[in-house]
C-alpha atoms as a PDB file:
ATOM      1  CA  MET A   1       6.113 -22.185 -69.345  1.00  0.00           C
ATOM      2  CA  LEU A   2       8.917 -22.867 -71.476  1.00  0.00           C
ATOM      3  CA  PRO A   3       8.262 -24.315 -74.938  1.00  0.00           C
ATOM      4  CA  ALA A   4       9.025 -28.208 -75.315  1.00  0.00           C
ATOM      5  CA  GLU A   5      10.470 -27.969 -78.795  1.00  0.00           C
ATOM      6  CA  PRO A   6      11.892 -25.440 -81.081  1.00  0.00           C
ATOM      7  CA  CYS A   7       9.900 -24.506 -84.264  1.00  0.00           C
ATOM      8  CA  ASP A   8      11.063 -23.979 -87.883  1.00  0.00           C
ATOM      9  CA  ARG A   9      10.697 -21.060 -90.259  1.00  0.00           C
ATOM     10  CA  PRO A  10       9.828 -18.295 -87.545  1.00  0.00           C
ATOM     11  CA  ARG A  11      10.546 -15.530 -89.861  1.00  0.00           C
ATOM     12  CA  GLU A  12       8.108 -16.649 -92.452  1.00  0.00           C
ATOM     13  CA  ARG A  13       5.608 -17.103 -89.808  1.00  0.00           C
ATOM     14  CA  LEU A  14       6.062 -13.356 -88.543  1.00  0.00           C
ATOM     15  CA  LEU A  15       5.780 -12.123 -92.130  1.00  0.00           C
ATOM     16  CA  SER A  16       2.538 -14.087 -92.822  1.00  0.00           C
ATOM     17  CA  TRP A  17       0.742 -13.812 -89.271  1.00  0.00           C
ATOM     18  CA  GLY A  18       2.280 -10.826 -87.736  1.00  0.00           C
ATOM     19  CA  GLY A  19       4.048 -10.346 -84.312  1.00  0.00           C
ATOM     20  CA  GLU A  20       0.966 -11.142 -82.225  1.00  0.00           C
ATOM     21  CA  ARG A  21       0.347 -14.689 -83.398  1.00  0.00           C
ATOM     22  CA  VAL A  22       3.950 -16.109 -83.340  1.00  0.00           C
ATOM     23  CA  SER A  23       5.483 -17.375 -80.257  1.00  0.00           C
ATOM     24  CA  ASP A  24       8.147 -16.044 -77.982  1.00  0.00           C
ATOM     25  CA  LEU A  25      10.536 -18.729 -79.181  1.00  0.00           C
ATOM     26  CA  ASP A  26       9.867 -17.526 -82.854  1.00  0.00           C
ATOM     27  CA  LEU A  27      10.735 -13.924 -81.912  1.00  0.00           C
ATOM     28  CA  ILE A  28      13.786 -14.713 -80.241  1.00  0.00           C
ATOM     29  CA  ALA A  29      15.141 -17.001 -83.006  1.00  0.00           C
ATOM     30  CA  ILE A  30      14.380 -14.047 -85.488  1.00  0.00           C
ATOM     31  CA  LEU A  31      16.590 -11.776 -83.290  1.00  0.00           C
ATOM     32  CA  LEU A  32      19.338 -14.573 -83.195  1.00  0.00           C
ATOM     33  CA  GLY A  33      19.048 -14.641 -87.159  1.00  0.00           C
ATOM     34  CA  THR A  34      21.072 -17.632 -87.685  1.00  0.00           C
ATOM     35  CA  GLY A  35      22.228 -20.651 -85.612  1.00  0.00           C
ATOM     36  CA  ARG A  36      25.581 -22.587 -85.238  1.00  0.00           C
ATOM     37  CA  PRO A  37      26.813 -25.838 -86.382  1.00  0.00           C
ATOM     38  CA  GLY A  38      24.300 -28.554 -85.235  1.00  0.00           C
ATOM     39  CA  ARG A  39      21.959 -26.012 -83.611  1.00  0.00           C
ATOM     40  CA  SER A  40      19.271 -23.948 -85.529  1.00  0.00           C
ATOM     41  CA  ALA A  41      18.180 -20.519 -84.587  1.00  0.00           C
ATOM     42  CA  PRO A  42      15.214 -21.824 -82.847  1.00  0.00           C
ATOM     43  CA  ASP A  43      17.357 -24.426 -81.028  1.00  0.00           C
ATOM     44  CA  LEU A  44      19.588 -21.548 -79.844  1.00  0.00           C
ATOM     45  CA  ALA A  45      16.430 -19.592 -78.787  1.00  0.00           C
ATOM     46  CA  LEU A  46      15.293 -22.538 -76.597  1.00  0.00           C
ATOM     47  CA  ASP A  47      18.675 -22.848 -75.079  1.00  0.00           C
ATOM     48  CA  LEU A  48      18.522 -19.267 -74.202  1.00  0.00           C
ATOM     49  CA  LEU A  49      15.188 -19.517 -72.493  1.00  0.00           C
ATOM     50  CA  ARG A  50      16.161 -22.618 -70.565  1.00  0.00           C
ATOM     51  CA  ALA A  51      19.451 -21.216 -69.445  1.00  0.00           C
ATOM     52  CA  THR A  52      18.161 -17.958 -68.245  1.00  0.00           C
ATOM     53  CA  GLY A  53      14.877 -19.342 -66.880  1.00  0.00           C
ATOM     54  CA  GLY A  54      12.286 -17.831 -69.091  1.00  0.00           C
ATOM     55  CA  LEU A  55      11.291 -14.753 -70.947  1.00  0.00           C
ATOM     56  CA  GLY A  56      11.097 -12.324 -68.132  1.00  0.00           C
ATOM     57  CA  ALA A  57      14.769 -13.353 -66.885  1.00  0.00           C
ATOM     58  CA  LEU A  58      15.902 -13.246 -70.422  1.00  0.00           C
ATOM     59  CA  ALA A  59      14.803  -9.717 -70.767  1.00  0.00           C
ATOM     60  CA  ARG A  60      16.751  -8.471 -67.881  1.00  0.00           C
ATOM     61  CA  ALA A  61      19.911 -10.435 -68.483  1.00  0.00           C
ATOM     62  CA  SER A  62      22.876  -8.200 -69.200  1.00  0.00           C
ATOM     63  CA  PRO A  63      24.740  -8.760 -72.612  1.00  0.00           C
ATOM     64  CA  ARG A  64      27.744 -10.410 -70.650  1.00  0.00           C
ATOM     65  CA  GLU A  65      25.378 -12.954 -69.073  1.00  0.00           C
ATOM     66  CA  LEU A  66      23.682 -13.740 -72.398  1.00  0.00           C
ATOM     67  CA  ALA A  67      27.086 -14.154 -74.243  1.00  0.00           C
ATOM     68  CA  THR A  68      28.016 -16.925 -71.808  1.00  0.00           C
ATOM     69  CA  VAL A  69      25.336 -19.083 -73.214  1.00  0.00           C
ATOM     70  CA  SER A  70      26.853 -21.554 -75.902  1.00  0.00           C
ATOM     71  CA  GLY A  71      26.455 -20.441 -79.465  1.00  0.00           C
ATOM     72  CA  ILE A  72      25.434 -16.666 -78.564  1.00  0.00           C
ATOM     73  CA  GLY A  73      28.358 -14.552 -78.396  1.00  0.00           C
ATOM     74  CA  ASP A  74      28.943 -10.887 -78.167  1.00  0.00           C
ATOM     75  CA  ALA A  75      27.078  -9.902 -81.515  1.00  0.00           C
ATOM     76  CA  ARG A  76      23.785 -11.837 -80.611  1.00  0.00           C
ATOM     77  CA  ALA A  77      23.818 -11.026 -77.171  1.00  0.00           C
ATOM     78  CA  ALA A  78      24.029  -7.066 -77.864  1.00  0.00           C
ATOM     79  CA  ARG A  79      21.287  -7.619 -80.406  1.00  0.00           C
ATOM     80  CA  LEU A  80      19.053  -9.385 -77.923  1.00  0.00           C
ATOM     81  CA  ALA A  81      19.504  -6.873 -75.206  1.00  0.00           C
ATOM     82  CA  ALA A  82      19.037  -3.788 -77.344  1.00  0.00           C
ATOM     83  CA  ALA A  83      15.759  -5.338 -78.512  1.00  0.00           C
ATOM     84  CA  PHE A  84      14.517  -5.720 -74.776  1.00  0.00           C
ATOM     85  CA  HIS A  85      15.742  -2.308 -73.961  1.00  0.00           C
ATOM     86  CA  LEU A  86      14.093  -0.676 -77.022  1.00  0.00           C
ATOM     87  CA  GLY A  87      10.696  -2.553 -75.980  1.00  0.00           C
ATOM     88  CA  ARG A  88      10.933  -1.319 -72.450  1.00  0.00           C
ATOM     89  CA  ARG A  89      11.731   2.315 -73.545  1.00  0.00           C
ATOM     90  CA  ALA A  90       8.712   2.191 -75.987  1.00  0.00           C
ATOM     91  CA  LEU A  91       6.339   1.167 -73.238  1.00  0.00           C
ATOM     92  CA  GLU A  92       7.819   4.020 -71.023  1.00  0.00           C
ATOM     93  CA  HIS A  93       7.143   6.407 -73.746  1.00  0.00           C
ATOM     94  CA  VAL A  94       3.621   5.492 -74.083  1.00  0.00           C
ATOM     95  CA  ALA A  95       3.189   5.766 -70.368  1.00  0.00           C
ATOM     96  CA  LEU A  96       4.963   9.194 -69.982  1.00  0.00           C
ATOM     97  CA  ARG A  97       2.276  10.592 -72.374  1.00  0.00           C
ATOM     98  CA  GLU A  98       0.060  10.947 -69.359  1.00  0.00           C
ATOM     99  CA  PRO A  99       1.838  13.547 -67.170  1.00  0.00           C
ATOM    100  CA  SER A 100      -0.479  13.097 -64.244  1.00  0.00           C
ATOM    101  CA  VAL A 101      -1.450  10.249 -61.862  1.00  0.00           C
ATOM    102  CA  GLY A 102      -5.142  10.223 -60.408  1.00  0.00           C
ATOM    103  CA  ASN A 103      -4.932   6.746 -58.918  1.00  0.00           C
ATOM    104  CA  ALA A 104      -3.255   3.583 -58.530  1.00  0.00           C
ATOM    105  CA  ASP A 105      -3.930   2.192 -61.708  1.00  0.00           C
ATOM    106  CA  ASP A 106      -2.363   5.391 -63.426  1.00  0.00           C
ATOM    107  CA  VAL A 107       0.718   4.637 -61.237  1.00  0.00           C
ATOM    108  CA  TYR A 108       0.858   0.814 -62.253  1.00  0.00           C
ATOM    109  CA  ARG A 109       0.547   1.675 -66.063  1.00  0.00           C
ATOM    110  CA  ARG A 110       3.321   4.243 -65.616  1.00  0.00           C
ATOM    111  CA  LEU A 111       5.958   2.299 -63.746  1.00  0.00           C
ATOM    112  CA  ARG A 112       5.159  -1.567 -64.576  1.00  0.00           C
ATOM    113  CA  PRO A 113       7.354  -1.255 -67.844  1.00  0.00           C
ATOM    114  CA  ARG A 114      10.275  -0.061 -65.629  1.00  0.00           C
ATOM    115  CA  LEU A 115       9.825  -2.592 -62.842  1.00  0.00           C
ATOM    116  CA  ALA A 116       8.752  -5.715 -65.111  1.00  0.00           C
ATOM    117  CA  GLY A 117      11.049  -8.775 -64.644  1.00  0.00           C
ATOM    118  CA  MET A 118      13.276  -7.119 -61.990  1.00  0.00           C
ATOM    119  CA  THR A 119      14.853  -9.773 -59.678  1.00  0.00           C
ATOM    120  CA  GLN A 120      15.303  -7.409 -56.661  1.00  0.00           C
ATOM    121  CA  GLU A 121      12.946  -5.040 -54.802  1.00  0.00           C
ATOM    122  CA  ILE A 122      13.258  -1.404 -55.982  1.00  0.00           C
ATOM    123  CA  CYS A 123      11.573   1.506 -54.336  1.00  0.00           C
ATOM    124  CA  LEU A 124      10.630   4.338 -56.659  1.00  0.00           C
ATOM    125  CA  LEU A 125       9.130   7.843 -55.769  1.00  0.00           C
ATOM    126  CA  LEU A 126       6.791  10.001 -57.772  1.00  0.00           C
ATOM    127  CA  ALA A 127       6.923  13.588 -56.850  1.00  0.00           C
ATOM    128  CA  LEU A 128       3.662  15.509 -57.736  1.00  0.00           C
ATOM    129  CA  ASP A 129       2.531  19.065 -57.956  1.00  0.00           C
ATOM    130  CA  ALA A 130      -0.835  20.307 -56.608  1.00  0.00           C
ATOM    131  CA  ARG A 131      -2.657  18.938 -59.712  1.00  0.00           C
ATOM    132  CA  ASN A 132      -1.062  15.504 -59.409  1.00  0.00           C
ATOM    133  CA  ALA A 133       1.175  16.274 -62.361  1.00  0.00           C
ATOM    134  CA  VAL A 134       4.583  14.264 -62.123  1.00  0.00           C
ATOM    135  CA  LEU A 135       7.365  16.590 -61.097  1.00  0.00           C
ATOM    136  CA  GLY A 136       9.952  13.745 -61.083  1.00  0.00           C
ATOM    137  CA  GLU A 137      10.309   9.881 -61.044  1.00  0.00           C
ATOM    138  CA  LEU A 138      13.224   8.828 -58.841  1.00  0.00           C
ATOM    139  CA  GLU A 139      14.747   5.523 -57.678  1.00  0.00           C
ATOM    140  CA  ILE A 140      15.054   5.804 -53.824  1.00  0.00           C
ATOM    141  CA  ALA A 141      16.633   2.379 -53.010  1.00  0.00           C
ATOM    142  CA  ARG A 142      17.463  -1.072 -54.392  1.00  0.00           C
ATOM    143  CA  GLY A 143      17.232  -4.090 -52.031  1.00  0.00           C
ATOM    144  CA  TRP A 144      17.098  -7.940 -52.463  1.00  0.00           C
ATOM    145  CA  LEU A 145      14.656 -10.434 -53.635  1.00  0.00           C
ATOM    146  CA  ASN A 146      12.126  -9.959 -50.757  1.00  0.00           C
ATOM    147  CA  GLY A 147      12.843  -6.684 -49.300  1.00  0.00           C
ATOM    148  CA  VAL A 148      14.351  -3.238 -49.462  1.00  0.00           C
ATOM    149  CA  ASP A 149      15.531  -0.584 -46.879  1.00  0.00           C
ATOM    150  CA  VAL A 150      13.950   2.805 -47.194  1.00  0.00           C
ATOM    151  CA  HIS A 151      14.426   5.648 -44.804  1.00  0.00           C
ATOM    152  CA  PRO A 152      12.092   8.635 -44.721  1.00  0.00           C
ATOM    153  CA  ARG A 153      14.950  11.034 -45.098  1.00  0.00           C
ATOM    154  CA  GLU A 154      15.818   9.558 -48.550  1.00  0.00           C
ATOM    155  CA  VAL A 155      12.123   9.963 -49.705  1.00  0.00           C
ATOM    156  CA  PHE A 156      11.549  13.643 -48.461  1.00  0.00           C
ATOM    157  CA  ARG A 157      14.793  15.195 -49.320  1.00  0.00           C
ATOM    158  CA  PRO A 158      14.094  15.151 -53.033  1.00  0.00           C
ATOM    159  CA  LEU A 159      10.511  16.154 -52.537  1.00  0.00           C
ATOM    160  CA  VAL A 160      11.523  19.249 -50.596  1.00  0.00           C
ATOM    161  CA  ARG A 161      14.064  20.221 -53.326  1.00  0.00           C
ATOM    162  CA  MET A 162      11.291  19.918 -56.094  1.00  0.00           C
ATOM    163  CA  ALA A 163       8.842  21.801 -54.032  1.00  0.00           C
ATOM    164  CA  ALA A 164       6.459  18.797 -54.347  1.00  0.00           C
ATOM    165  CA  ALA A 165       2.908  19.160 -53.145  1.00  0.00           C
ATOM    166  CA  ALA A 166       2.338  15.274 -52.719  1.00  0.00           C
ATOM    167  CA  ALA A 167       4.017  11.952 -53.312  1.00  0.00           C
ATOM    168  CA  VAL A 168       3.440   8.355 -54.217  1.00  0.00           C
ATOM    169  CA  ILE A 169       5.870   5.496 -53.082  1.00  0.00           C
ATOM    170  CA  VAL A 170       6.179   2.448 -55.375  1.00  0.00           C
ATOM    171  CA  HIS A 171       7.968  -0.837 -55.133  1.00  0.00           C
ATOM    172  CA  ASN A 172       8.089  -4.101 -56.722  1.00  0.00           C
ATOM    173  CA  HIS A 173       7.457  -7.592 -55.475  1.00  0.00           C
ATOM    174  CA  PRO A 174       9.542  -9.845 -57.642  1.00  0.00           C
ATOM    175  CA  SER A 175       8.025 -12.982 -56.028  1.00  0.00           C
ATOM    176  CA  GLY A 176       4.667 -12.123 -57.668  1.00  0.00           C
ATOM    177  CA  ALA A 177       2.873 -11.758 -54.304  1.00  0.00           C
ATOM    178  CA  LEU A 178       0.625  -8.728 -54.040  1.00  0.00           C
ATOM    179  CA  GLU A 179      -0.209  -8.937 -50.243  1.00  0.00           C
ATOM    180  CA  PRO A 180       1.759  -6.249 -48.354  1.00  0.00           C
ATOM    181  CA  SER A 181       4.294  -7.329 -45.841  1.00  0.00           C
ATOM    182  CA  ASP A 182       4.083  -6.224 -42.176  1.00  0.00           C
ATOM    183  CA  ALA A 183       7.411  -4.172 -43.140  1.00  0.00           C
ATOM    184  CA  ASP A 184       5.392  -2.618 -46.210  1.00  0.00           C
ATOM    185  CA  VAL A 185       2.620  -1.590 -43.915  1.00  0.00           C
ATOM    186  CA  GLU A 186       5.007  -0.057 -41.118  1.00  0.00           C
ATOM    187  CA  LEU A 187       6.976   1.829 -43.931  1.00  0.00           C
ATOM    188  CA  THR A 188       3.921   3.199 -45.221  1.00  0.00           C
ATOM    189  CA  ARG A 189       2.611   4.478 -41.789  1.00  0.00           C
ATOM    190  CA  ARG A 190       6.161   5.976 -41.105  1.00  0.00           C
ATOM    191  CA  LEU A 191       6.231   7.916 -44.318  1.00  0.00           C
ATOM    192  CA  ARG A 192       2.562   9.184 -43.811  1.00  0.00           C
ATOM    193  CA  ALA A 193       3.604  10.313 -40.342  1.00  0.00           C
ATOM    194  CA  ALA A 194       6.628  12.157 -41.856  1.00  0.00           C
ATOM    195  CA  GLY A 195       4.609  13.638 -44.740  1.00  0.00           C
ATOM    196  CA  ASP A 196       2.091  15.101 -42.556  1.00  0.00           C
ATOM    197  CA  VAL A 197       4.915  16.778 -40.383  1.00  0.00           C
ATOM    198  CA  ILE A 198       6.754  18.199 -43.239  1.00  0.00           C
ATOM    199  CA  GLY A 199       3.537  19.192 -45.365  1.00  0.00           C
ATOM    200  CA  ILE A 200       4.004  16.692 -48.206  1.00  0.00           C
ATOM    201  CA  PRO A 201       1.400  14.221 -47.958  1.00  0.00           C
ATOM    202  CA  LEU A 202       1.927  10.449 -49.005  1.00  0.00           C
ATOM    203  CA  LEU A 203      -1.022   9.698 -51.465  1.00  0.00           C
ATOM    204  CA  ASP A 204      -0.382   6.089 -51.652  1.00  0.00           C
ATOM    205  CA  HIS A 205       2.159   3.156 -51.625  1.00  0.00           C
ATOM    206  CA  VAL A 206       1.671   0.950 -54.524  1.00  0.00           C
ATOM    207  CA  ILE A 207       3.086  -2.578 -54.800  1.00  0.00           C
ATOM    208  CA  ILE A 208       3.642  -3.647 -58.340  1.00  0.00           C
ATOM    209  CA  ALA A 209       4.215  -7.354 -59.361  1.00  0.00           C
ATOM    210  CA  ASP A 210       3.987  -9.235 -62.652  1.00  0.00           C
ATOM    211  CA  THR A 211       0.521 -10.251 -61.601  1.00  0.00           C
ATOM    212  CA  GLY A 212      -0.871  -6.881 -61.108  1.00  0.00           C
ATOM    213  CA  TYR A 213      -0.826  -4.121 -58.315  1.00  0.00           C
ATOM    214  CA  ARG A 214      -1.905  -3.443 -54.816  1.00  0.00           C
ATOM    215  CA  SER A 215      -2.673   0.146 -53.533  1.00  0.00           C
ATOM    216  CA  LEU A 216      -2.113   0.302 -49.679  1.00  0.00           C
ATOM    217  CA  ALA A 217      -4.438   3.440 -49.468  1.00  0.00           C
ATOM    218  CA  GLU A 218      -7.213   0.971 -50.783  1.00  0.00           C
ATOM    219  CA  HIS A 219      -5.893  -1.979 -48.736  1.00  0.00           C
ATOM    220  CA  LEU A 220      -5.575  -0.205 -45.384  1.00  0.00           C
ATOM    221  CA  GLY A 221      -8.576   2.178 -45.740  1.00  0.00           C
ATOM    222  CA  ALA A 222      -9.126   4.257 -42.962  1.00  0.00           C
ATOM    223  CA  ASP A 223      -5.951   3.067 -41.322  1.00  0.00           C
ATOM    224  CA  PHE A 224      -3.716   4.618 -44.072  1.00  0.00           C
END
């Protein structure tokens, strides 16, 4: 939910309370630094949130998109984009400390920073060795808001090149829904069948949304 009103003195609150206790609006205002005639930095922060549709969309907006908001300009847009990119990289760095994936929760913690806030479906592939250590993390396909086209050859070609022992497929649901679609289930079964023939088993297909994740291996049970 967007804040109803801008607030004053955000920098002082951050210094006194720490980042955990200040609002999203405060943090954006601090990054902006100053306002413009007639609009304070908190005012501009509120304008940004309203123009982009909230924090998640703001985090994924390009510098060019941000610069079009009145009073932002190229310098502030670049500073905001850099801050969000740096935050994502920090989260990815923490996730990559764990080189292996043992379950769907490991997959979620590893890839959620990469997929958070995306407005289109993206399909990712984790190539694993015999001990479930990650050999590679690849983007296989990009789609649209509620779908992505994936062909088995695009999945297994890189797995064969990397001599992978197994694989996990991951895609996001920008809508926030965790329930797999019929197309998700059908894709999972096609990839499972192809993997059995090639000798590179698909261990799971994990759906990630802002609300959590769903493992199709668990969802389908014996039918996976």
